[in-house]
Amino acid sequence: MRKLRQFEGSDGCISSVPRFSQSLSSLPISPLSPRNASFFVSISLYLILGSLWNAFGPPKKSGMEVIPNYKFWSGLPVLVRDGALFLCRPCGVRAAGSYEMLPA
């Protein structure tokens, strides 16, 4: 059972807040935590098995095309840039000369 700690706010109200034995900010973040380890193992397996399949599978590939989903990964930086520009650019602001005026 959790112990409750009572606080008096600036408005004079008393509120009860659950007291934890250890605050979340003091928990260590380990680079080898199970979540991080499973992520890196999954990425490694994806790259290794996908590369082997592309190199020795039925449609043999060579060079950079051995990387699994090469077209997607090579186009990802452009997609990230486009998304960032879409989010950061104010609404209604267009590059000069992006549209032609219609004749009156």
PDB file of N, CA and C in Angstrom:
ATOM      1  N   MET A   1       0.838  -1.177   0.000  1.00  0.00           N
ATOM      2  CA  MET A   1       0.000   0.000   0.000  1.00  0.00           C
ATOM      3  C   MET A   1       0.886   1.246   0.000  1.00  0.00           C
ATOM      4  N   ARG A   2       0.520   2.219  -0.821  1.00  0.00           N
ATOM      5  CA  ARG A   2       1.304   3.440  -0.932  1.00  0.00           C
ATOM      6  C   ARG A   2       0.933   4.408   0.181  1.00  0.00           C
ATOM      7  N   LYS A   3       1.917   5.096   0.661  1.00  0.00           N
ATOM      8  CA  LYS A   3       1.684   6.139   1.646  1.00  0.00           C
ATOM      9  C   LYS A   3       1.360   7.427   0.912  1.00  0.00           C
ATOM     10  N   LEU A   4       0.490   8.233   1.491  1.00  0.00           N
ATOM     11  CA  LEU A   4       0.127   9.498   0.883  1.00  0.00           C
ATOM     12  C   LEU A   4       0.807  10.635   1.622  1.00  0.00           C
ATOM     13  N   ARG A   5       1.240  11.592   0.869  1.00  0.00           N
ATOM     14  CA  ARG A   5       1.863  12.777   1.431  1.00  0.00           C
ATOM     15  C   ARG A   5       0.923  13.948   1.147  1.00  0.00           C
ATOM     16  N   GLN A   6       0.658  14.778   2.107  1.00  0.00           N
ATOM     17  CA  GLN A   6      -0.253  15.897   1.911  1.00  0.00           C
ATOM     18  C   GLN A   6       0.532  17.176   1.659  1.00  0.00           C
ATOM     19  N   PHE A   7       0.068  17.936   0.674  1.00  0.00           N
ATOM     20  CA  PHE A   7       0.689  19.201   0.323  1.00  0.00           C
ATOM     21  C   PHE A   7      -0.355  20.299   0.406  1.00  0.00           C
ATOM     22  N   GLU A   8       0.075  21.457   0.817  1.00  0.00           N
ATOM     23  CA  GLU A   8      -0.817  22.603   0.810  1.00  0.00           C
ATOM     24  C   GLU A   8      -0.386  23.509  -0.323  1.00  0.00           C
ATOM     25  N   GLY A   9      -1.295  23.724  -1.266  1.00  0.00           N
ATOM     26  CA  GLY A   9      -0.990  24.522  -2.443  1.00  0.00           C
ATOM     27  C   GLY A   9      -1.041  26.001  -2.152  1.00  0.00           C
ATOM     28  N   SER A  10      -0.730  26.809  -3.149  1.00  0.00           N
ATOM     29  CA  SER A  10      -0.726  28.259  -2.993  1.00  0.00           C
ATOM     30  C   SER A  10      -2.132  28.798  -2.770  1.00  0.00           C
ATOM     31  N   ASP A  11      -3.145  28.036  -3.189  1.00  0.00           N
ATOM     32  CA  ASP A  11      -4.516  28.486  -2.992  1.00  0.00           C
ATOM     33  C   ASP A  11      -5.084  28.042  -1.646  1.00  0.00           C
ATOM     34  N   GLY A  12      -4.287  27.374  -0.826  1.00  0.00           N
ATOM     35  CA  GLY A  12      -4.717  26.949   0.493  1.00  0.00           C
ATOM     36  C   GLY A  12      -5.361  25.578   0.523  1.00  0.00           C
ATOM     37  N   CYS A  13      -5.496  24.925  -0.626  1.00  0.00           N
ATOM     38  CA  CYS A  13      -6.117  23.602  -0.685  1.00  0.00           C
ATOM     39  C   CYS A  13      -5.088  22.536  -0.323  1.00  0.00           C
ATOM     40  N   ILE A  14      -5.571  21.516   0.359  1.00  0.00           N
ATOM     41  CA  ILE A  14      -4.702  20.396   0.705  1.00  0.00           C
ATOM     42  C   ILE A  14      -4.978  19.271  -0.276  1.00  0.00           C
ATOM     43  N   SER A  15      -3.943  18.781  -0.902  1.00  0.00           N
ATOM     44  CA  SER A  15      -4.109  17.681  -1.852  1.00  0.00           C
ATOM     45  C   SER A  15      -3.218  16.526  -1.423  1.00  0.00           C
ATOM     46  N   SER A  16      -3.689  15.328  -1.666  1.00  0.00           N
ATOM     47  CA  SER A  16      -2.913  14.138  -1.341  1.00  0.00           C
ATOM     48  C   SER A  16      -2.247  13.621  -2.597  1.00  0.00           C
ATOM     49  N   VAL A  17      -0.981  13.379  -2.520  1.00  0.00           N
ATOM     50  CA  VAL A  17      -0.200  12.902  -3.654  1.00  0.00           C
ATOM     51  C   VAL A  17       0.443  11.588  -3.256  1.00  0.00           C
ATOM     52  N   PRO A  18       0.333  10.540  -4.128  1.00  0.00           N
ATOM     53  CA  PRO A  18       0.979   9.288  -3.773  1.00  0.00           C
ATOM     54  C   PRO A  18       2.494   9.451  -3.666  1.00  0.00           C
ATOM     55  N   ARG A  19       3.072   8.833  -2.678  1.00  0.00           N
ATOM     56  CA  ARG A  19       4.513   8.924  -2.446  1.00  0.00           C
ATOM     57  C   ARG A  19       5.162   7.640  -2.936  1.00  0.00           C
ATOM     58  N   PHE A  20       6.095   7.772  -3.829  1.00  0.00           N
ATOM     59  CA  PHE A  20       6.798   6.617  -4.364  1.00  0.00           C
ATOM     60  C   PHE A  20       8.141   6.486  -3.664  1.00  0.00           C
ATOM     61  N   SER A  21       8.628   5.270  -3.591  1.00  0.00           N
ATOM     62  CA  SER A  21       9.891   5.056  -2.890  1.00  0.00           C
ATOM     63  C   SER A  21      11.075   5.637  -3.659  1.00  0.00           C
ATOM     64  N   GLN A  22      10.941   5.723  -4.958  1.00  0.00           N
ATOM     65  CA  GLN A  22      12.042   6.248  -5.772  1.00  0.00           C
ATOM     66  C   GLN A  22      11.432   7.103  -6.870  1.00  0.00           C
ATOM     67  N   SER A  23      11.932   8.296  -7.070  1.00  0.00           N
ATOM     68  CA  SER A  23      11.370   9.150  -8.104  1.00  0.00           C
ATOM     69  C   SER A  23      11.818   8.650  -9.479  1.00  0.00           C
ATOM     70  N   LEU A  24      11.000   8.948 -10.479  1.00  0.00           N
ATOM     71  CA  LEU A  24      11.302   8.475 -11.831  1.00  0.00           C
ATOM     72  C   LEU A  24      12.555   9.124 -12.398  1.00  0.00           C
ATOM     73  N   SER A  25      12.852  10.355 -11.982  1.00  0.00           N
ATOM     74  CA  SER A  25      14.014  11.042 -12.535  1.00  0.00           C
ATOM     75  C   SER A  25      15.330  10.449 -12.031  1.00  0.00           C
ATOM     76  N   SER A  26      15.294   9.698 -10.935  1.00  0.00           N
ATOM     77  CA  SER A  26      16.535   9.146 -10.411  1.00  0.00           C
ATOM     78  C   SER A  26      16.802   7.721 -10.897  1.00  0.00           C
ATOM     79  N   LEU A  27      15.892   7.160 -11.704  1.00  0.00           N
ATOM     80  CA  LEU A  27      16.116   5.817 -12.223  1.00  0.00           C
ATOM     81  C   LEU A  27      17.215   5.845 -13.282  1.00  0.00           C
ATOM     82  N   PRO A  28      18.140   4.907 -13.245  1.00  0.00           N
ATOM     83  CA  PRO A  28      19.211   4.903 -14.246  1.00  0.00           C
ATOM     84  C   PRO A  28      18.693   4.424 -15.601  1.00  0.00           C
ATOM     85  N   ILE A  29      19.209   5.016 -16.649  1.00  0.00           N
ATOM     86  CA  ILE A  29      18.883   4.577 -18.005  1.00  0.00           C
ATOM     87  C   ILE A  29      20.116   3.871 -18.537  1.00  0.00           C
ATOM     88  N   SER A  30      19.987   2.595 -18.735  1.00  0.00           N
ATOM     89  CA  SER A  30      21.117   1.795 -19.161  1.00  0.00           C
ATOM     90  C   SER A  30      21.061   1.572 -20.668  1.00  0.00           C
ATOM     91  N   PRO A  31      22.190   1.709 -21.351  1.00  0.00           N
ATOM     92  CA  PRO A  31      22.192   1.412 -22.787  1.00  0.00           C
ATOM     93  C   PRO A  31      21.955  -0.064 -23.064  1.00  0.00           C
ATOM     94  N   LEU A  32      22.117  -0.917 -22.073  1.00  0.00           N
ATOM     95  CA  LEU A  32      21.906  -2.349 -22.268  1.00  0.00           C
ATOM     96  C   LEU A  32      20.622  -2.827 -21.591  1.00  0.00           C
ATOM     97  N   SER A  33      19.659  -1.940 -21.436  1.00  0.00           N
ATOM     98  CA  SER A  33      18.390  -2.363 -20.864  1.00  0.00           C
ATOM     99  C   SER A  33      17.729  -3.348 -21.829  1.00  0.00           C
ATOM    100  N   PRO A  34      16.830  -4.195 -21.347  1.00  0.00           N
ATOM    101  CA  PRO A  34      16.209  -5.193 -22.234  1.00  0.00           C
ATOM    102  C   PRO A  34      15.514  -4.581 -23.443  1.00  0.00           C
ATOM    103  N   ARG A  35      14.903  -3.415 -23.274  1.00  0.00           N
ATOM    104  CA  ARG A  35      14.224  -2.785 -24.409  1.00  0.00           C
ATOM    105  C   ARG A  35      15.226  -2.368 -25.474  1.00  0.00           C
ATOM    106  N   ASN A  36      16.316  -1.726 -25.055  1.00  0.00           N
ATOM    107  CA  ASN A  36      17.332  -1.304 -26.021  1.00  0.00           C
ATOM    108  C   ASN A  36      18.016  -2.506 -26.656  1.00  0.00           C
ATOM    109  N   ALA A  37      18.313  -3.531 -25.864  1.00  0.00           N
ATOM    110  CA  ALA A  37      18.983  -4.719 -26.400  1.00  0.00           C
ATOM    111  C   ALA A  37      18.100  -5.406 -27.434  1.00  0.00           C
ATOM    112  N   SER A  38      16.799  -5.534 -27.168  1.00  0.00           N
ATOM    113  CA  SER A  38      15.919  -6.195 -28.137  1.00  0.00           C
ATOM    114  C   SER A  38      15.774  -5.355 -29.404  1.00  0.00           C
ATOM    115  N   PHE A  39      15.802  -4.020 -29.271  1.00  0.00           N
ATOM    116  CA  PHE A  39      15.735  -3.158 -30.444  1.00  0.00           C
ATOM    117  C   PHE A  39      16.959  -3.363 -31.337  1.00  0.00           C
ATOM    118  N   PHE A  40      18.152  -3.348 -30.742  1.00  0.00           N
ATOM    119  CA  PHE A  40      19.366  -3.497 -31.536  1.00  0.00           C
ATOM    120  C   PHE A  40      19.509  -4.901 -32.106  1.00  0.00           C
ATOM    121  N   VAL A  41      19.064  -5.916 -31.383  1.00  0.00           N
ATOM    122  CA  VAL A  41      19.092  -7.284 -31.916  1.00  0.00           C
ATOM    123  C   VAL A  41      18.144  -7.384 -33.109  1.00  0.00           C
ATOM    124  N   SER A  42      16.959  -6.778 -33.004  1.00  0.00           N
ATOM    125  CA  SER A  42      15.992  -6.814 -34.107  1.00  0.00           C
ATOM    126  C   SER A  42      16.527  -6.110 -35.341  1.00  0.00           C
ATOM    127  N   ILE A  43      17.126  -4.942 -35.156  1.00  0.00           N
ATOM    128  CA  ILE A  43      17.693  -4.204 -36.296  1.00  0.00           C
ATOM    129  C   ILE A  43      18.833  -4.995 -36.926  1.00  0.00           C
ATOM    130  N   SER A  44      19.677  -5.602 -36.101  1.00  0.00           N
ATOM    131  CA  SER A  44      20.798  -6.393 -36.627  1.00  0.00           C
ATOM    132  C   SER A  44      20.296  -7.589 -37.421  1.00  0.00           C
ATOM    133  N   LEU A  45      19.300  -8.291 -36.882  1.00  0.00           N
ATOM    134  CA  LEU A  45      18.745  -9.441 -37.608  1.00  0.00           C
ATOM    135  C   LEU A  45      18.104  -9.006 -38.922  1.00  0.00           C
ATOM    136  N   TYR A  46      17.389  -7.901 -38.897  1.00  0.00           N
ATOM    137  CA  TYR A  46      16.767  -7.372 -40.112  1.00  0.00           C
ATOM    138  C   TYR A  46      17.816  -7.097 -41.189  1.00  0.00           C
ATOM    139  N   LEU A  47      18.902  -6.431 -40.799  1.00  0.00           N
ATOM    140  CA  LEU A  47      19.941  -6.096 -41.774  1.00  0.00           C
ATOM    141  C   LEU A  47      20.703  -7.324 -42.257  1.00  0.00           C
ATOM    142  N   ILE A  48      21.067  -8.204 -41.331  1.00  0.00           N
ATOM    143  CA  ILE A  48      21.874  -9.378 -41.700  1.00  0.00           C
ATOM    144  C   ILE A  48      21.061 -10.348 -42.548  1.00  0.00           C
ATOM    145  N   LEU A  49      19.876 -10.723 -42.072  1.00  0.00           N
ATOM    146  CA  LEU A  49      19.071 -11.692 -42.816  1.00  0.00           C
ATOM    147  C   LEU A  49      18.571 -11.117 -44.138  1.00  0.00           C
ATOM    148  N   GLY A  50      18.185  -9.844 -44.120  1.00  0.00           N
ATOM    149  CA  GLY A  50      17.739  -9.216 -45.366  1.00  0.00           C
ATOM    150  C   GLY A  50      18.853  -9.098 -46.389  1.00  0.00           C
ATOM    151  N   SER A  51      20.052  -8.785 -45.936  1.00  0.00           N
ATOM    152  CA  SER A  51      21.192  -8.690 -46.859  1.00  0.00           C
ATOM    153  C   SER A  51      21.556 -10.055 -47.430  1.00  0.00           C
ATOM    154  N   LEU A  52      21.526 -11.072 -46.580  1.00  0.00           N
ATOM    155  CA  LEU A  52      21.814 -12.422 -47.078  1.00  0.00           C
ATOM    156  C   LEU A  52      20.763 -12.872 -48.091  1.00  0.00           C
ATOM    157  N   TRP A  53      19.498 -12.574 -47.808  1.00  0.00           N
ATOM    158  CA  TRP A  53      18.431 -12.960 -48.740  1.00  0.00           C
ATOM    159  C   TRP A  53      18.596 -12.239 -50.080  1.00  0.00           C
ATOM    160  N   ASN A  54      18.914 -10.950 -50.027  1.00  0.00           N
ATOM    161  CA  ASN A  54      19.078 -10.198 -51.276  1.00  0.00           C
ATOM    162  C   ASN A  54      20.329 -10.613 -52.034  1.00  0.00           C
ATOM    163  N   ALA A  55      21.374 -11.004 -51.335  1.00  0.00           N
ATOM    164  CA  ALA A  55      22.622 -11.374 -52.006  1.00  0.00           C
ATOM    165  C   ALA A  55      22.546 -12.768 -52.620  1.00  0.00           C
ATOM    166  N   PHE A  56      21.882 -13.703 -51.910  1.00  0.00           N
ATOM    167  CA  PHE A  56      21.894 -15.088 -52.380  1.00  0.00           C
ATOM    168  C   PHE A  56      20.515 -15.607 -52.767  1.00  0.00           C
ATOM    169  N   GLY A  57      19.476 -14.800 -52.639  1.00  0.00           N
ATOM    170  CA  GLY A  57      18.117 -15.227 -52.962  1.00  0.00           C
ATOM    171  C   GLY A  57      17.890 -15.304 -54.460  1.00  0.00           C
ATOM    172  N   PRO A  58      16.653 -15.621 -54.849  1.00  0.00           N
ATOM    173  CA  PRO A  58      16.346 -15.798 -56.269  1.00  0.00           C
ATOM    174  C   PRO A  58      16.698 -14.600 -57.151  1.00  0.00           C
ATOM    175  N   PRO A  59      16.241 -13.384 -56.867  1.00  0.00           N
ATOM    176  CA  PRO A  59      16.737 -12.276 -57.702  1.00  0.00           C
ATOM    177  C   PRO A  59      18.003 -11.712 -57.065  1.00  0.00           C
ATOM    178  N   LYS A  60      19.156 -12.246 -57.478  1.00  0.00           N
ATOM    179  CA  LYS A  60      20.411 -11.824 -56.837  1.00  0.00           C
ATOM    180  C   LYS A  60      20.681 -10.352 -57.100  1.00  0.00           C
ATOM    181  N   LYS A  61      21.069  -9.657 -56.039  1.00  0.00           N
ATOM    182  CA  LYS A  61      21.381  -8.235 -56.134  1.00  0.00           C
ATOM    183  C   LYS A  61      22.826  -8.033 -55.704  1.00  0.00           C
ATOM    184  N   SER A  62      23.386  -6.905 -56.097  1.00  0.00           N
ATOM    185  CA  SER A  62      24.762  -6.618 -55.708  1.00  0.00           C
ATOM    186  C   SER A  62      24.887  -5.139 -55.358  1.00  0.00           C
ATOM    187  N   GLY A  63      25.981  -4.813 -54.714  1.00  0.00           N
ATOM    188  CA  GLY A  63      26.237  -3.424 -54.345  1.00  0.00           C
ATOM    189  C   GLY A  63      25.323  -2.945 -53.240  1.00  0.00           C
ATOM    190  N   MET A  64      24.892  -1.703 -53.345  1.00  0.00           N
ATOM    191  CA  MET A  64      24.042  -1.107 -52.318  1.00  0.00           C
ATOM    192  C   MET A  64      22.643  -1.719 -52.299  1.00  0.00           C
ATOM    193  N   GLU A  65      22.221  -2.344 -53.374  1.00  0.00           N
ATOM    194  CA  GLU A  65      20.886  -2.934 -53.432  1.00  0.00           C
ATOM    195  C   GLU A  65      20.753  -4.174 -52.565  1.00  0.00           C
ATOM    196  N   VAL A  66      21.852  -4.629 -51.973  1.00  0.00           N
ATOM    197  CA  VAL A  66      21.796  -5.763 -51.049  1.00  0.00           C
ATOM    198  C   VAL A  66      21.105  -5.345 -49.753  1.00  0.00           C
ATOM    199  N   ILE A  67      21.174  -4.066 -49.401  1.00  0.00           N
ATOM    200  CA  ILE A  67      20.519  -3.561 -48.187  1.00  0.00           C
ATOM    201  C   ILE A  67      19.013  -3.749 -48.351  1.00  0.00           C
ATOM    202  N   PRO A  68      18.339  -4.326 -47.335  1.00  0.00           N
ATOM    203  CA  PRO A  68      16.895  -4.529 -47.450  1.00  0.00           C
ATOM    204  C   PRO A  68      16.150  -3.203 -47.605  1.00  0.00           C
ATOM    205  N   ASN A  69      15.184  -3.175 -48.529  1.00  0.00           N
ATOM    206  CA  ASN A  69      14.366  -1.983 -48.811  1.00  0.00           C
ATOM    207  C   ASN A  69      15.240  -0.767 -49.118  1.00  0.00           C
ATOM    208  N   TYR A  70      16.206  -0.967 -49.979  1.00  0.00           N
ATOM    209  CA  TYR A  70      17.189   0.072 -50.285  1.00  0.00           C
ATOM    210  C   TYR A  70      16.526   1.348 -50.797  1.00  0.00           C
ATOM    211  N   LYS A  71      15.524   1.223 -51.660  1.00  0.00           N
ATOM    212  CA  LYS A  71      14.875   2.419 -52.214  1.00  0.00           C
ATOM    213  C   LYS A  71      14.210   3.245 -51.117  1.00  0.00           C
ATOM    214  N   PHE A  72      13.574   2.574 -50.153  1.00  0.00           N
ATOM    215  CA  PHE A  72      12.942   3.299 -49.052  1.00  0.00           C
ATOM    216  C   PHE A  72      13.990   4.015 -48.210  1.00  0.00           C
ATOM    217  N   TRP A  73      15.044   3.299 -47.791  1.00  0.00           N
ATOM    218  CA  TRP A  73      16.053   3.893 -46.904  1.00  0.00           C
ATOM    219  C   TRP A  73      16.824   5.004 -47.599  1.00  0.00           C
ATOM    220  N   SER A  74      17.039   4.914 -48.910  1.00  0.00           N
ATOM    221  CA  SER A  74      17.756   5.981 -49.609  1.00  0.00           C
ATOM    222  C   SER A  74      16.878   7.220 -49.776  1.00  0.00           C
ATOM    223  N   GLY A  75      15.562   7.042 -49.814  1.00  0.00           N
ATOM    224  CA  GLY A  75      14.661   8.184 -49.950  1.00  0.00           C
ATOM    225  C   GLY A  75      14.198   8.765 -48.628  1.00  0.00           C
ATOM    226  N   LEU A  76      14.497   8.109 -47.522  1.00  0.00           N
ATOM    227  CA  LEU A  76      14.020   8.553 -46.209  1.00  0.00           C
ATOM    228  C   LEU A  76      14.512   9.946 -45.810  1.00  0.00           C
ATOM    229  N   PRO A  77      15.773  10.323 -46.032  1.00  0.00           N
ATOM    230  CA  PRO A  77      16.194  11.678 -45.650  1.00  0.00           C
ATOM    231  C   PRO A  77      15.383  12.774 -46.341  1.00  0.00           C
ATOM    232  N   VAL A  78      15.030  12.567 -47.597  1.00  0.00           N
ATOM    233  CA  VAL A  78      14.226  13.559 -48.318  1.00  0.00           C
ATOM    234  C   VAL A  78      12.827  13.630 -47.719  1.00  0.00           C
ATOM    235  N   LEU A  79      12.256  12.486 -47.360  1.00  0.00           N
ATOM    236  CA  LEU A  79      10.930  12.466 -46.752  1.00  0.00           C
ATOM    237  C   LEU A  79      10.927  13.151 -45.387  1.00  0.00           C
ATOM    238  N   VAL A  80      11.975  12.937 -44.599  1.00  0.00           N
ATOM    239  CA  VAL A  80      12.080  13.590 -43.294  1.00  0.00           C
ATOM    240  C   VAL A  80      12.216  15.098 -43.468  1.00  0.00           C
ATOM    241  N   ARG A  81      13.021  15.524 -44.431  1.00  0.00           N
ATOM    242  CA  ARG A  81      13.187  16.961 -44.696  1.00  0.00           C
ATOM    243  C   ARG A  81      11.865  17.580 -45.123  1.00  0.00           C
ATOM    244  N   ASP A  82      11.140  16.914 -46.027  1.00  0.00           N
ATOM    245  CA  ASP A  82       9.852  17.437 -46.468  1.00  0.00           C
ATOM    246  C   ASP A  82       8.863  17.540 -45.311  1.00  0.00           C
ATOM    247  N   GLY A  83       8.842  16.540 -44.448  1.00  0.00           N
ATOM    248  CA  GLY A  83       7.950  16.583 -43.296  1.00  0.00           C
ATOM    249  C   GLY A  83       8.306  17.697 -42.337  1.00  0.00           C
ATOM    250  N   ALA A  84       9.601  17.902 -42.098  1.00  0.00           N
ATOM    251  CA  ALA A  84      10.040  18.974 -41.205  1.00  0.00           C
ATOM    252  C   ALA A  84       9.693  20.338 -41.786  1.00  0.00           C
ATOM    253  N   LEU A  85       9.886  20.519 -43.091  1.00  0.00           N
ATOM    254  CA  LEU A  85       9.524  21.793 -43.719  1.00  0.00           C
ATOM    255  C   LEU A  85       8.025  22.027 -43.653  1.00  0.00           C
ATOM    256  N   PHE A  86       7.239  20.965 -43.820  1.00  0.00           N
ATOM    257  CA  PHE A  86       5.788  21.096 -43.748  1.00  0.00           C
ATOM    258  C   PHE A  86       5.349  21.531 -42.356  1.00  0.00           C
ATOM    259  N   LEU A  87       5.981  20.967 -41.316  1.00  0.00           N
ATOM    260  CA  LEU A  87       5.599  21.301 -39.949  1.00  0.00           C
ATOM    261  C   LEU A  87       6.106  22.673 -39.523  1.00  0.00           C
ATOM    262  N   CYS A  88       7.278  23.061 -39.985  1.00  0.00           N
ATOM    263  CA  CYS A  88       7.898  24.304 -39.516  1.00  0.00           C
ATOM    264  C   CYS A  88       7.492  25.527 -40.319  1.00  0.00           C
ATOM    265  N   ARG A  89       7.096  25.336 -41.561  1.00  0.00           N
ATOM    266  CA  ARG A  89       6.758  26.481 -42.399  1.00  0.00           C
ATOM    267  C   ARG A  89       5.379  27.002 -42.004  1.00  0.00           C
ATOM    268  N   PRO A  90       5.254  28.322 -41.810  1.00  0.00           N
ATOM    269  CA  PRO A  90       3.940  28.879 -41.459  1.00  0.00           C
ATOM    270  C   PRO A  90       2.925  28.646 -42.577  1.00  0.00           C
ATOM    271  N   CYS A  91       1.674  28.557 -42.187  1.00  0.00           N
ATOM    272  CA  CYS A  91       0.601  28.319 -43.168  1.00  0.00           C
ATOM    273  C   CYS A  91       0.503  29.484 -44.138  1.00  0.00           C
ATOM    274  N   GLY A  92       0.281  29.185 -45.376  1.00  0.00           N
ATOM    275  CA  GLY A  92       0.083  30.215 -46.381  1.00  0.00           C
ATOM    276  C   GLY A  92       1.356  30.786 -46.969  1.00  0.00           C
ATOM    277  N   VAL A  93       2.506  30.445 -46.458  1.00  0.00           N
ATOM    278  CA  VAL A  93       3.761  30.977 -46.989  1.00  0.00           C
ATOM    279  C   VAL A  93       4.252  30.026 -48.077  1.00  0.00           C
ATOM    280  N   ARG A  94       4.397  30.549 -49.264  1.00  0.00           N
ATOM    281  CA  ARG A  94       4.864  29.737 -50.384  1.00  0.00           C
ATOM    282  C   ARG A  94       6.146  30.355 -50.936  1.00  0.00           C
ATOM    283  N   ALA A  95       6.912  29.520 -51.565  1.00  0.00           N
ATOM    284  CA  ALA A  95       8.144  30.016 -52.175  1.00  0.00           C
ATOM    285  C   ALA A  95       7.788  30.952 -53.319  1.00  0.00           C
ATOM    286  N   ALA A  96       8.591  31.981 -53.513  1.00  0.00           N
ATOM    287  CA  ALA A  96       8.338  32.937 -54.586  1.00  0.00           C
ATOM    288  C   ALA A  96       8.465  32.236 -55.926  1.00  0.00           C
ATOM    289  N   GLY A  97       7.494  32.505 -56.790  1.00  0.00           N
ATOM    290  CA  GLY A  97       7.527  31.926 -58.117  1.00  0.00           C
ATOM    291  C   GLY A  97       7.041  30.489 -58.176  1.00  0.00           C
ATOM    292  N   SER A  98       6.387  30.006 -57.122  1.00  0.00           N
ATOM    293  CA  SER A  98       5.931  28.627 -57.155  1.00  0.00           C
ATOM    294  C   SER A  98       4.629  28.480 -57.929  1.00  0.00           C
ATOM    295  N   TYR A  99       3.900  29.593 -58.122  1.00  0.00           N
ATOM    296  CA  TYR A  99       2.649  29.563 -58.891  1.00  0.00           C
ATOM    297  C   TYR A  99       2.696  30.646 -59.944  1.00  0.00           C
ATOM    298  N   GLU A 100       2.046  30.367 -61.072  1.00  0.00           N
ATOM    299  CA  GLU A 100       1.916  31.387 -62.093  1.00  0.00           C
ATOM    300  C   GLU A 100       0.573  32.069 -61.936  1.00  0.00           C
ATOM    301  N   MET A 101       0.542  33.352 -62.205  1.00  0.00           N
ATOM    302  CA  MET A 101      -0.705  34.098 -62.130  1.00  0.00           C
ATOM    303  C   MET A 101      -1.583  33.731 -63.333  1.00  0.00           C
ATOM    304  N   LEU A 102      -2.876  33.588 -63.077  1.00  0.00           N
ATOM    305  CA  LEU A 102      -3.806  33.301 -64.159  1.00  0.00           C
ATOM    306  C   LEU A 102      -4.091  34.576 -64.935  1.00  0.00           C
ATOM    307  N   PRO A 103      -4.248  34.449 -66.243  1.00  0.00           N
ATOM    308  CA  PRO A 103      -4.570  35.662 -67.005  1.00  0.00           C
ATOM    309  C   PRO A 103      -5.972  36.177 -66.644  1.00  0.00           C
ATOM    310  N   ALA A 104      -6.106  37.486 -66.618  1.00  0.00           N
ATOM    311  CA  ALA A 104      -7.390  38.078 -66.215  1.00  0.00           C
ATOM    312  C   ALA A 104      -8.394  38.086 -67.321  1.00  0.00           C
TER     313      ALA A 104
END
